[in-house]
Amino acid sequence: MQQNRRLTDLKNIGMKIAARLNEVGIFSEAELRIAGAVGAHRKIKQRYPDEALPVCYYLYSFEGALRDKHWDAIGEKRKLALKAQIR
């Protein structure tokens, strides 16, 4: 699997989410893989501490992008594990 695609080439990553990732220094699939879904979510949360970040829109989208799945197809067990890491 190619690991250095543009963010918008990944599932679940549109222009708005890609722009947010760019703002925190993540510009490619490889950089998203290094940060991981939780790390990327934390970076965005740090940059926008007063903004409520919907977990499905960011955290699950990142995980789905890394797994090449729609965010809702990553499974409830994995969603719970991810959510527990951002608390």
N, C-alpha and C. Protein backbone atom coordinates (compact mmCIF):
# COMPACT_ATOMS: atom_id res chain seq x y z
N MET A 1 0.84 -1.19 0.00
CA MET A 1 0.00 0.00 0.00
C MET A 1 0.89 1.25 0.00
N GLN A 2 0.55 2.15 -0.89
CA GLN A 2 1.28 3.42 -0.94
C GLN A 2 1.03 4.18 0.35
N GLN A 3 2.08 4.75 0.95
CA GLN A 3 1.91 5.42 2.24
C GLN A 3 2.26 6.89 2.21
N ASN A 4 2.38 7.46 1.03
CA ASN A 4 2.67 8.88 1.01
C ASN A 4 1.71 9.63 0.10
N ARG A 5 0.45 9.21 0.14
CA ARG A 5 -0.58 9.89 -0.64
C ARG A 5 -0.93 11.21 0.02
N ARG A 6 -1.53 12.08 -0.77
CA ARG A 6 -2.05 13.33 -0.22
C ARG A 6 -3.19 12.97 0.73
N LEU A 7 -3.39 13.80 1.71
CA LEU A 7 -4.44 13.55 2.69
C LEU A 7 -5.80 13.41 2.04
N THR A 8 -6.10 14.25 1.07
CA THR A 8 -7.43 14.19 0.44
C THR A 8 -7.62 12.97 -0.44
N ASP A 9 -6.57 12.19 -0.66
CA ASP A 9 -6.70 10.93 -1.39
C ASP A 9 -7.14 9.79 -0.47
N LEU A 10 -7.13 10.04 0.84
CA LEU A 10 -7.51 9.03 1.83
C LEU A 10 -9.01 9.07 2.09
N LYS A 11 -9.56 7.93 2.45
CA LYS A 11 -10.98 7.88 2.84
C LYS A 11 -11.21 8.81 4.03
N ASN A 12 -12.34 9.43 4.08
CA ASN A 12 -12.80 10.26 5.19
C ASN A 12 -12.12 11.62 5.30
N ILE A 13 -11.15 11.91 4.47
CA ILE A 13 -10.40 13.16 4.59
C ILE A 13 -10.78 14.09 3.43
N GLY A 14 -11.56 15.10 3.76
CA GLY A 14 -11.93 16.11 2.78
C GLY A 14 -11.05 17.33 2.95
N MET A 15 -11.40 18.37 2.24
CA MET A 15 -10.59 19.59 2.26
C MET A 15 -10.51 20.22 3.65
N LYS A 16 -11.63 20.25 4.39
CA LYS A 16 -11.62 20.89 5.70
C LYS A 16 -10.74 20.13 6.69
N ILE A 17 -10.89 18.82 6.73
CA ILE A 17 -10.06 18.04 7.65
C ILE A 17 -8.60 18.09 7.23
N ALA A 18 -8.33 18.04 5.94
CA ALA A 18 -6.95 18.14 5.45
C ALA A 18 -6.34 19.48 5.86
N ALA A 19 -7.11 20.55 5.75
CA ALA A 19 -6.61 21.87 6.14
C ALA A 19 -6.27 21.91 7.62
N ARG A 20 -7.13 21.30 8.45
CA ARG A 20 -6.85 21.25 9.89
C ARG A 20 -5.57 20.45 10.16
N LEU A 21 -5.41 19.34 9.48
CA LEU A 21 -4.20 18.54 9.65
C LEU A 21 -2.97 19.34 9.21
N ASN A 22 -3.08 20.05 8.10
CA ASN A 22 -1.97 20.89 7.63
C ASN A 22 -1.59 21.92 8.67
N GLU A 23 -2.57 22.50 9.35
CA GLU A 23 -2.31 23.52 10.36
C GLU A 23 -1.47 23.00 11.52
N VAL A 24 -1.53 21.69 11.74
CA VAL A 24 -0.75 21.11 12.84
C VAL A 24 0.47 20.33 12.34
N GLY A 25 0.83 20.55 11.07
CA GLY A 25 2.06 19.98 10.54
C GLY A 25 1.95 18.60 9.91
N ILE A 26 0.73 18.17 9.61
CA ILE A 26 0.53 16.87 8.97
C ILE A 26 0.06 17.13 7.54
N PHE A 27 0.89 16.70 6.56
CA PHE A 27 0.62 17.02 5.16
C PHE A 27 0.46 15.81 4.26
N SER A 28 0.72 14.62 4.78
CA SER A 28 0.66 13.42 3.94
C SER A 28 0.19 12.22 4.76
N GLU A 29 -0.09 11.15 4.04
CA GLU A 29 -0.48 9.91 4.71
C GLU A 29 0.63 9.42 5.63
N ALA A 30 1.86 9.53 5.17
CA ALA A 30 2.99 9.07 5.99
C ALA A 30 3.05 9.84 7.31
N GLU A 31 2.85 11.14 7.24
CA GLU A 31 2.88 11.95 8.47
C GLU A 31 1.69 11.64 9.36
N LEU A 32 0.54 11.35 8.78
CA LEU A 32 -0.62 10.95 9.57
C LEU A 32 -0.36 9.62 10.25
N ARG A 33 0.28 8.70 9.55
CA ARG A 33 0.62 7.40 10.15
C ARG A 33 1.57 7.57 11.34
N ILE A 34 2.52 8.47 11.21
CA ILE A 34 3.46 8.72 12.31
C ILE A 34 2.71 9.28 13.52
N ALA A 35 1.84 10.24 13.30
CA ALA A 35 1.07 10.85 14.40
C ALA A 35 0.05 9.88 14.96
N GLY A 36 -0.55 9.09 14.09
CA GLY A 36 -1.64 8.20 14.49
C GLY A 36 -2.92 8.98 14.65
N ALA A 37 -4.02 8.28 14.69
CA ALA A 37 -5.33 8.93 14.82
C ALA A 37 -5.43 9.74 16.10
N VAL A 38 -5.00 9.16 17.20
CA VAL A 38 -5.08 9.83 18.50
C VAL A 38 -4.15 11.04 18.54
N GLY A 39 -2.93 10.87 18.05
CA GLY A 39 -1.97 11.98 18.05
C GLY A 39 -2.44 13.14 17.19
N ALA A 40 -2.99 12.84 16.03
CA ALA A 40 -3.50 13.90 15.16
C ALA A 40 -4.67 14.62 15.82
N HIS A 41 -5.55 13.86 16.45
CA HIS A 41 -6.69 14.46 17.15
C HIS A 41 -6.20 15.38 18.27
N ARG A 42 -5.22 14.92 19.02
CA ARG A 42 -4.67 15.73 20.12
C ARG A 42 -4.05 17.03 19.61
N LYS A 43 -3.32 16.95 18.50
CA LYS A 43 -2.69 18.15 17.94
C LYS A 43 -3.74 19.19 17.55
N ILE A 44 -4.81 18.72 16.94
CA ILE A 44 -5.87 19.66 16.54
C ILE A 44 -6.56 20.22 17.77
N LYS A 45 -6.80 19.37 18.76
CA LYS A 45 -7.44 19.83 20.00
C LYS A 45 -6.56 20.87 20.71
N GLN A 46 -5.26 20.68 20.68
CA GLN A 46 -4.35 21.65 21.29
C GLN A 46 -4.41 22.99 20.55
N ARG A 47 -4.52 22.93 19.26
CA ARG A 47 -4.57 24.17 18.46
C ARG A 47 -5.90 24.88 18.64
N TYR A 48 -6.96 24.13 18.85
CA TYR A 48 -8.32 24.68 19.01
C TYR A 48 -8.91 24.21 20.33
N PRO A 49 -8.36 24.64 21.46
CA PRO A 49 -8.80 24.11 22.76
C PRO A 49 -10.25 24.43 23.12
N ASP A 50 -10.81 25.49 22.58
CA ASP A 50 -12.17 25.86 22.93
C ASP A 50 -13.21 25.30 21.97
N GLU A 51 -12.77 24.58 20.97
CA GLU A 51 -13.69 24.04 19.97
C GLU A 51 -14.02 22.59 20.30
N ALA A 52 -15.28 22.25 20.24
CA ALA A 52 -15.69 20.86 20.43
C ALA A 52 -15.40 20.10 19.14
N LEU A 53 -14.58 19.08 19.23
CA LEU A 53 -14.24 18.29 18.05
C LEU A 53 -15.04 17.00 18.06
N PRO A 54 -15.98 16.86 17.15
CA PRO A 54 -16.76 15.61 17.11
C PRO A 54 -15.82 14.43 16.83
N VAL A 55 -15.86 13.43 17.68
CA VAL A 55 -14.93 12.31 17.52
C VAL A 55 -15.13 11.60 16.19
N CYS A 56 -16.37 11.51 15.72
CA CYS A 56 -16.59 10.83 14.45
C CYS A 56 -16.00 11.62 13.30
N TYR A 57 -15.98 12.93 13.43
CA TYR A 57 -15.50 13.78 12.35
C TYR A 57 -13.98 13.81 12.29
N TYR A 58 -13.32 13.69 13.38
CA TYR A 58 -11.86 13.74 13.41
C TYR A 58 -11.25 12.40 13.78
N LEU A 59 -11.37 12.00 15.02
CA LEU A 59 -10.69 10.81 15.51
C LEU A 59 -11.03 9.57 14.68
N TYR A 60 -12.29 9.29 14.49
CA TYR A 60 -12.68 8.10 13.73
C TYR A 60 -12.34 8.25 12.25
N SER A 61 -12.43 9.46 11.74
CA SER A 61 -12.06 9.69 10.34
C SER A 61 -10.58 9.40 10.12
N PHE A 62 -9.73 9.83 11.05
CA PHE A 62 -8.30 9.56 10.92
C PHE A 62 -8.03 8.06 10.97
N GLU A 63 -8.66 7.38 11.91
CA GLU A 63 -8.46 5.93 12.03
C GLU A 63 -8.94 5.23 10.77
N GLY A 64 -10.08 5.62 10.28
CA GLY A 64 -10.59 5.03 9.04
C GLY A 64 -9.66 5.30 7.86
N ALA A 65 -9.14 6.51 7.79
CA ALA A 65 -8.21 6.86 6.71
C ALA A 65 -6.97 5.96 6.76
N LEU A 66 -6.47 5.71 7.95
CA LEU A 66 -5.29 4.88 8.10
C LEU A 66 -5.57 3.41 7.81
N ARG A 67 -6.82 3.00 7.96
CA ARG A 67 -7.21 1.61 7.70
C ARG A 67 -7.88 1.44 6.34
N ASP A 68 -8.02 2.53 5.58
CA ASP A 68 -8.69 2.53 4.29
C ASP A 68 -10.12 2.03 4.41
N LYS A 69 -10.82 2.56 5.44
CA LYS A 69 -12.22 2.21 5.69
C LYS A 69 -13.01 3.47 5.97
N HIS A 70 -14.30 3.40 5.71
CA HIS A 70 -15.18 4.48 6.14
C HIS A 70 -15.11 4.54 7.66
N TRP A 71 -15.20 5.73 8.22
CA TRP A 71 -15.03 5.88 9.68
C TRP A 71 -16.00 5.03 10.47
N ASP A 72 -17.19 4.79 9.93
CA ASP A 72 -18.17 4.02 10.68
C ASP A 72 -17.93 2.51 10.61
N ALA A 73 -16.99 2.10 9.78
CA ALA A 73 -16.71 0.67 9.61
C ALA A 73 -15.52 0.20 10.43
N ILE A 74 -15.00 1.04 11.31
CA ILE A 74 -13.82 0.62 12.09
C ILE A 74 -14.18 -0.25 13.29
N GLY A 75 -15.46 -0.36 13.58
CA GLY A 75 -15.91 -1.24 14.65
C GLY A 75 -16.05 -0.54 15.99
N GLU A 76 -17.06 -0.93 16.73
CA GLU A 76 -17.35 -0.29 18.02
C GLU A 76 -16.24 -0.49 19.04
N LYS A 77 -15.65 -1.67 19.06
CA LYS A 77 -14.59 -1.94 20.03
C LYS A 77 -13.41 -0.99 19.79
N ARG A 78 -13.02 -0.81 18.54
CA ARG A 78 -11.91 0.09 18.22
C ARG A 78 -12.28 1.54 18.52
N LYS A 79 -13.52 1.93 18.23
CA LYS A 79 -13.97 3.29 18.52
C LYS A 79 -13.88 3.58 20.01
N LEU A 80 -14.31 2.63 20.82
CA LEU A 80 -14.23 2.81 22.28
C LEU A 80 -12.78 2.93 22.75
N ALA A 81 -11.90 2.11 22.18
CA ALA A 81 -10.49 2.16 22.55
C ALA A 81 -9.87 3.51 22.17
N LEU A 82 -10.21 4.02 21.00
CA LEU A 82 -9.70 5.31 20.56
C LEU A 82 -10.23 6.43 21.46
N LYS A 83 -11.52 6.38 21.71
CA LYS A 83 -12.15 7.42 22.52
C LYS A 83 -11.56 7.46 23.93
N ALA A 84 -11.24 6.29 24.48
CA ALA A 84 -10.64 6.22 25.82
C ALA A 84 -9.26 6.88 25.84
N GLN A 85 -8.57 6.88 24.72
CA GLN A 85 -7.23 7.46 24.67
C GLN A 85 -7.22 8.98 24.60
N ILE A 86 -8.34 9.58 24.26
CA ILE A 86 -8.35 11.05 24.15
C ILE A 86 -8.92 11.73 25.36
N ARG A 87 -9.34 10.97 26.35
CA ARG A 87 -9.91 11.56 27.57
C ARG A 87 -8.86 12.07 28.48
